[in-house]
Protein backbone atom coordinates (compact mmCIF):
# COMPACT_ATOMS: atom_id res chain seq x y z
CA MET A 1 0.00 0.00 0.00
CA ASP A 2 1.42 3.40 -1.00
CA PHE A 3 0.27 7.02 -0.97
CA ARG A 4 -0.63 6.98 -4.66
CA GLN A 5 -2.97 4.03 -4.19
CA ILE A 6 -4.59 5.70 -1.19
CA ALA A 7 -5.05 9.00 -3.05
CA THR A 8 -6.56 7.13 -6.00
CA PHE A 9 -8.93 5.18 -3.76
CA VAL A 10 -10.08 8.34 -1.95
CA GLN A 11 -10.73 10.14 -5.23
CA VAL A 12 -12.84 7.27 -6.59
CA ALA A 13 -14.75 7.00 -3.32
CA GLU A 14 -15.52 10.72 -3.15
CA LEU A 15 -16.56 11.01 -6.81
CA GLY A 16 -18.40 7.67 -6.90
CA SER A 17 -17.03 6.80 -10.32
CA PHE A 18 -13.84 5.46 -11.87
CA THR A 19 -14.47 7.56 -14.96
CA ARG A 20 -14.84 10.84 -13.06
CA ALA A 21 -11.85 10.02 -10.85
CA ALA A 22 -9.69 9.26 -13.89
CA GLY A 23 -10.63 12.64 -15.37
CA ALA A 24 -9.88 14.47 -12.14
CA LEU A 25 -6.52 12.74 -11.70
CA ARG A 26 -5.71 12.96 -15.44
CA VAL A 27 -4.81 9.28 -15.73
CA ALA A 28 -6.15 6.54 -17.96
CA GLN A 29 -9.09 4.69 -16.43
CA PRO A 30 -7.53 1.20 -16.87
CA ALA A 31 -4.44 2.29 -14.94
CA LEU A 32 -6.59 3.74 -12.17
CA SER A 33 -8.66 0.55 -11.99
CA ARG A 34 -5.49 -1.54 -11.69
CA GLN A 35 -4.29 0.55 -8.73
CA VAL A 36 -7.55 0.05 -6.87
CA ARG A 37 -7.65 -3.63 -7.74
CA ALA A 38 -4.09 -4.08 -6.42
CA LEU A 39 -5.20 -2.43 -3.18
CA GLU A 40 -8.16 -4.81 -2.88
CA VAL A 41 -5.90 -7.81 -3.50
CA GLU A 42 -3.43 -6.66 -0.85
CA LEU A 43 -6.20 -6.09 1.69
CA ARG A 44 -7.98 -9.30 0.62
CA GLN A 45 -11.44 -7.78 0.48
CA PRO A 46 -13.45 -5.65 -1.96
CA LEU A 47 -13.57 -1.91 -1.38
CA PHE A 48 -16.22 -0.99 -3.96
CA GLU A 49 -19.45 -2.44 -5.26
CA ARG A 50 -19.62 -1.78 -9.02
CA ASN A 51 -22.92 -0.98 -10.72
CA GLY A 52 -24.11 0.68 -13.91
CA ARG A 53 -24.17 4.15 -12.34
CA GLY A 54 -20.72 4.03 -10.76
CA VAL A 55 -19.44 2.57 -7.50
CA THR A 56 -20.43 2.52 -3.84
CA LEU A 57 -18.27 1.71 -0.86
CA THR A 58 -18.36 -1.63 0.90
CA PRO A 59 -18.06 -1.64 4.73
CA ALA A 60 -14.32 -2.22 4.30
CA GLY A 61 -14.15 0.66 1.83
CA GLN A 62 -15.92 3.00 4.29
CA ARG A 63 -13.34 2.22 6.95
CA LEU A 64 -10.44 2.69 4.57
CA LEU A 65 -11.86 6.01 3.38
CA ALA A 66 -11.78 7.39 6.93
CA HIS A 67 -8.18 6.24 7.33
CA GLY A 68 -7.22 7.40 3.85
CA ARG A 69 -8.46 10.94 4.37
CA GLY A 70 -6.54 11.19 7.64
CA ILE A 71 -3.37 9.86 6.02
CA LEU A 72 -3.58 12.36 3.16
CA GLN A 73 -4.28 15.24 5.54
CA GLN A 74 -1.29 14.27 7.65
CA LEU A 75 0.87 14.09 4.54
CA GLU A 76 -0.26 17.60 3.53
CA ARG A 77 0.48 18.93 7.01
CA ALA A 78 3.97 17.41 6.83
CA ARG A 79 4.52 19.06 3.45
CA GLN A 80 3.36 22.43 4.81
CA ASP A 81 5.59 22.06 7.87
CA LEU A 82 8.65 21.47 5.71
CA GLU A 83 7.71 24.40 3.48
CA GLU A 84 7.52 26.60 6.56
CA LEU A 85 10.99 25.37 7.60
CA ARG A 86 12.27 26.95 4.38
CA GLY A 87 10.50 30.18 5.30
CA VAL A 88 7.80 29.78 2.63
CA ALA A 89 4.41 31.26 3.53
CA ALA A 90 2.26 28.35 2.37
CA GLY A 91 -0.66 26.30 3.59
CA LEU A 92 -4.13 27.18 4.88
CA LEU A 93 -5.01 30.20 6.99
CA SER A 94 -8.42 30.37 8.67
CA LEU A 95 -9.51 33.82 9.87
CA GLY A 96 -12.41 34.98 12.01
CA LEU A 97 -13.86 38.48 11.51
CA PRO A 98 -16.61 40.49 13.24
CA PRO A 99 -19.55 40.95 10.83
CA SER A 100 -19.20 44.76 10.71
CA ILE A 101 -15.55 44.47 9.67
CA GLY A 102 -16.17 41.58 7.30
CA ARG A 103 -18.41 43.72 5.10
CA VAL A 104 -15.68 46.33 4.67
CA LEU A 105 -12.53 44.21 4.69
CA THR A 106 -13.38 40.96 2.88
CA ALA A 107 -12.74 42.12 -0.70
CA PRO A 108 -9.43 43.94 -0.11
CA LEU A 109 -8.27 41.17 2.23
CA VAL A 110 -8.91 38.40 -0.31
CA GLU A 111 -7.22 40.37 -3.09
CA THR A 112 -4.15 41.27 -1.02
CA PHE A 113 -3.79 37.76 0.41
CA ALA A 114 -3.88 36.16 -3.04
CA GLU A 115 -1.25 38.59 -4.29
CA ARG A 116 1.15 38.21 -1.37
CA PHE A 117 0.70 34.49 -0.64
CA PRO A 118 0.16 32.65 -3.95
CA LYS A 119 0.99 29.29 -2.35
CA ALA A 120 -1.50 29.70 0.49
CA THR A 121 -5.26 29.37 0.86
CA LEU A 122 -7.48 31.70 2.90
CA THR A 123 -10.78 30.80 4.55
CA MET A 124 -12.88 33.31 6.48
CA VAL A 125 -15.75 33.00 8.94
CA GLU A 126 -17.78 35.74 10.59
CA GLY A 127 -18.75 35.80 14.24
CA LEU A 128 -18.89 37.92 17.36
CA SER A 129 -15.63 38.26 19.24
CA THR A 130 -16.77 35.89 22.00
CA TYR A 131 -17.41 33.12 19.49
CA THR A 132 -14.29 33.61 17.39
CA LEU A 133 -12.12 33.46 20.52
CA GLU A 134 -13.72 30.11 21.38
CA TRP A 135 -13.03 28.86 17.85
CA LEU A 136 -9.44 30.02 18.18
CA VAL A 137 -8.90 28.08 21.40
CA GLN A 138 -10.56 25.01 19.88
CA GLY A 139 -8.24 25.17 16.86
CA ARG A 140 -11.02 25.79 14.34
CA ILE A 141 -9.40 29.05 13.18
CA ASP A 142 -5.82 30.35 13.18
CA CYS A 143 -6.43 34.00 14.04
CA ALA A 144 -9.28 36.40 14.72
CA VAL A 145 -10.01 40.11 14.72
CA VAL A 146 -11.71 40.87 18.03
CA TYR A 147 -13.05 43.80 20.03
CA ASN A 148 -12.32 44.68 23.67
CA THR A 149 -11.06 41.30 24.78
CA SER A 150 -9.35 40.54 28.09
CA PRO A 151 -5.90 38.93 28.30
CA ALA A 152 -5.89 35.15 28.67
CA PRO A 153 -3.02 32.64 28.93
CA ALA A 154 -4.18 30.73 25.84
CA ILE A 155 -4.47 33.82 23.63
CA HIS A 156 -1.82 36.13 22.19
CA LEU A 157 -3.18 39.62 21.52
CA GLN A 158 -1.75 42.19 19.13
CA PRO A 159 -3.26 45.69 19.48
CA VAL A 160 -4.28 47.28 16.19
CA LEU A 161 -6.29 50.46 16.75
CA ASP A 162 -9.06 52.15 18.72
CA GLU A 163 -12.34 52.85 16.97
CA LYS A 164 -14.59 55.67 18.12
CA LEU A 165 -18.16 54.78 19.01
CA TYR A 166 -21.07 56.90 17.83
CA LEU A 167 -24.69 57.43 18.76
CA VAL A 168 -26.39 56.59 15.45
CA SER A 169 -29.81 58.07 14.71
CA ALA A 170 -32.11 58.25 11.72
CA ARG A 171 -32.01 61.56 9.82
CA GLN A 172 -35.14 63.64 10.23
CA ASP A 173 -34.63 65.73 7.08
CA SER A 174 -35.41 64.39 3.62
CA VAL A 175 -31.98 64.98 2.13
CA GLY A 176 -28.82 63.96 3.91
CA ASN A 177 -25.14 64.41 3.51
CA PRO A 178 -23.58 60.97 3.14
CA GLY A 179 -21.64 60.09 6.25
CA SER A 180 -22.43 63.35 8.10
CA VAL A 181 -21.29 63.49 11.72
CA GLY A 182 -23.42 65.26 14.30
CA ARG A 183 -22.37 67.22 17.33
CA PRO A 184 -20.97 65.16 20.23
CA ALA A 185 -23.31 63.33 22.57
CA THR A 186 -22.67 62.94 26.30
CA LEU A 187 -23.04 59.71 28.23
CA ALA A 188 -26.14 61.16 29.89
CA GLN A 189 -27.71 61.79 26.48
CA VAL A 190 -26.89 58.25 25.37
CA ALA A 191 -28.48 56.85 28.54
CA GLN A 192 -31.71 58.73 27.73
CA ARG A 193 -32.09 57.13 24.28
CA ALA A 194 -33.87 53.86 23.59
CA LEU A 195 -31.15 51.70 22.06
CA VAL A 196 -31.29 48.86 19.58
CA ILE A 197 -28.21 47.00 20.73
CA PRO A 198 -26.71 43.50 20.72
CA SER A 199 -27.17 41.32 23.78
CA ARG A 200 -24.38 40.49 26.21
CA PRO A 201 -21.54 39.57 25.81
CA HIS A 202 -21.21 41.60 22.61
CA ALA A 203 -18.05 43.71 22.94
CA ILE A 204 -19.68 47.09 22.22
CA ARG A 205 -22.58 46.31 24.60
CA MET A 206 -20.16 45.41 27.39
CA ARG A 207 -17.99 48.48 26.76
CA LEU A 208 -20.97 50.84 26.78
CA GLU A 209 -22.43 49.36 29.95
CA ALA A 210 -19.05 49.63 31.71
CA VAL A 211 -18.58 53.35 30.99
CA LEU A 212 -22.21 54.15 31.79
CA ALA A 213 -21.96 52.28 35.10
CA ALA A 214 -18.78 54.20 35.97
CA ALA A 215 -20.80 57.40 35.47
CA GLY A 216 -23.72 56.12 37.56
CA LEU A 217 -25.88 55.52 34.49
CA ALA A 218 -27.44 52.57 32.68
CA PRO A 219 -28.55 52.06 29.07
CA ARG A 220 -32.18 52.06 28.02
CA VAL A 221 -32.44 48.88 25.98
CA GLY A 222 -35.29 49.14 23.51
CA LEU A 223 -34.50 45.95 21.62
CA GLU A 224 -31.69 43.40 21.56
CA ILE A 225 -30.55 42.46 18.04
CA GLU A 226 -27.29 40.73 17.10
CA SER A 227 -27.17 41.75 13.43
CA VAL A 228 -25.71 45.18 12.59
CA PRO A 229 -27.70 45.50 9.31
CA ALA A 230 -30.90 44.67 11.22
CA ILE A 231 -30.05 47.25 13.89
CA LEU A 232 -29.61 49.96 11.25
CA ASP A 233 -32.82 48.88 9.48
CA LEU A 234 -34.81 49.26 12.69
CA VAL A 235 -33.30 52.66 13.51
CA GLN A 236 -34.01 53.94 10.00
CA ARG A 237 -37.44 52.43 9.31
CA HIS A 238 -39.16 53.10 12.64
CA PRO A 239 -38.66 56.80 13.45
CA GLU A 240 -41.90 56.76 15.46
CA ARG A 241 -40.15 54.56 18.06
CA ASN A 242 -37.17 56.96 18.25
CA TRP A 243 -34.69 54.12 18.35
CA HIS A 244 -30.94 54.72 18.27
CA ALA A 245 -27.79 52.59 18.10
CA VAL A 246 -24.23 52.72 19.40
CA LEU A 247 -21.85 51.59 16.66
CA SER A 248 -18.54 52.37 15.04
CA LEU A 249 -18.62 54.66 12.03
CA ASN A 250 -17.23 51.76 10.02
CA ALA A 251 -20.42 49.80 10.69
CA VAL A 252 -22.53 52.65 9.29
CA HIS A 253 -20.30 53.00 6.22
CA GLY A 254 -20.46 49.27 5.62
CA SER A 255 -24.24 49.48 5.30
CA GLY A 256 -24.03 51.62 2.16
CA ARG A 257 -26.74 53.90 3.60
CA GLU A 258 -24.72 56.63 5.24
CA ALA A 259 -27.13 59.34 4.03
CA ALA A 260 -29.92 57.85 6.14
CA PHE A 261 -28.16 58.42 9.46
CA ILE A 262 -26.47 60.99 11.65
CA ALA A 263 -23.61 59.64 13.78
CA ARG A 264 -22.71 61.61 16.91
CA PRO A 265 -19.38 60.90 18.63
CA ILE A 266 -19.83 60.00 22.30
CA HIS A 267 -17.76 61.95 24.83
CA LEU A 268 -16.95 60.44 28.20
CA ASP A 269 -16.93 63.71 30.15
CA ALA A 270 -19.31 66.50 29.17
CA GLY A 271 -17.44 69.05 31.26
CA SER A 272 -13.93 68.20 30.15
CA SER A 273 -12.07 70.39 27.70
CA SER A 274 -10.19 67.34 26.40
CA ARG A 275 -13.45 65.83 25.11
CA GLN A 276 -12.19 62.26 25.42
CA PRO A 277 -14.17 60.04 23.00
CA LEU A 278 -15.69 56.68 23.82
CA THR A 279 -13.70 54.06 21.91
CA THR A 280 -13.55 50.32 21.45
CA SER A 281 -10.22 48.51 21.02
CA LEU A 282 -9.49 46.28 18.05
CA TRP A 283 -7.03 43.38 18.38
CA ILE A 284 -5.65 40.50 16.35
CA ALA A 285 -5.84 37.31 18.41
CA THR A 286 -3.82 34.14 17.81
CA SER A 287 -3.29 31.00 19.87
CA ALA A 288 -0.47 31.09 22.41
CA GLN A 289 -0.53 27.28 22.59
CA ARG A 290 0.15 26.35 18.98
CA PRO A 291 3.34 26.93 16.95
CA ARG A 292 3.41 29.88 14.56
CA GLY A 293 4.69 29.60 11.01
CA PRO A 294 5.70 32.16 8.39
CA LEU A 295 2.20 32.29 6.90
CA LEU A 296 0.52 33.24 10.18
CA ASP A 297 3.21 35.76 11.13
CA GLN A 298 3.22 37.49 7.75
CA ALA A 299 -0.57 37.36 7.35
CA CYS A 300 -1.09 39.02 10.76
CA LEU A 301 1.18 41.90 9.73
CA MET A 302 -0.73 42.25 6.47
CA LEU A 303 -4.07 42.11 8.30
CA ALA A 304 -3.03 44.81 10.78
CA GLY A 305 -2.03 47.07 7.91
CA LEU A 306 -5.33 46.55 6.09
CA LEU A 307 -7.33 47.22 9.25
CA ARG A 308 -5.53 50.51 9.84
CA GLN A 309 -5.88 51.47 6.19
CA HIS A 310 -9.59 50.77 5.88
CA LEU A 311 -10.84 51.55 9.39
CA ALA A 312 -8.64 54.25 10.88
CA GLY A 313 -9.52 56.65 8.05
CA ALA A 314 -13.24 56.02 8.23
CA LEU A 315 -14.16 59.55 9.32
CA PRO A 316 -16.17 61.33 6.63
CA SER A 317 -15.15 64.62 5.18
CA GLY A 318 -18.67 66.03 5.08
CA PRO A 319 -19.94 68.89 7.25
CA VAL A 320 -20.97 68.56 10.86
CA ALA A 321 -24.73 68.27 11.22
CA ASP A 322 -26.87 69.47 14.10
């Protein structure tokens, strides 16, 4: 039994046909059939049941398929490990992104990754920071972009930037300036508004509650919604309820409906001349328990640069609205 026989067997099993497998592997069908037959002779039992529509696995074939996939995956991991030893950024990188960032960053990230790492493959999943950190610890993803996370022994955190948070309201006038920013709002003003906001432990929800509590205030929760697009829909489409949201400006820009909203920066101290804004911290998280290779190291640097490029300059150039 050799790797070529195993790869051939797995291909036939997954495609359910010797003809389709021969086409995928670009080998003559008789040669492929001989490889599988030699494997059956060596193992002394049939692996496939042949019929007019193709092939199906026997019980022995089902067991060998499970082993075969594992063997091929291990072989690929060994190949990637040796490539990394040469300093080549190759292999698979799995990345977790918050939904609000995913809408803005996915296209430039995919394009830049393909250009810089032609021998690597990128997969992306979206999820709240709490969930992506769990996936990171479980080994389901390699790195994640997260908000306002706390240090943990299993996680390595790289600070990227601070994003300002805004009180987002529907425009009352019929014509808006795209991306217009209103005059600052105080924490007391935010606490008076009915908010459409994600449930705990969403990072922005937890951050807002913490600063309000420090000021002796609490949020008025009108509705708990996890989806940023749904939050903006509710704020825009139901002015009679006077709902508002607390989001980053990037989240509003990602909706493509900037003209429908006014975003007011939130100041922590109404009486302070410094006018310190309410911000949320953005980090790149990786596992502190698994080895790092060239692909992960270089991709994290690239990701940090893209985040700063596309998020740090999110402030609009339009006039300040009342």
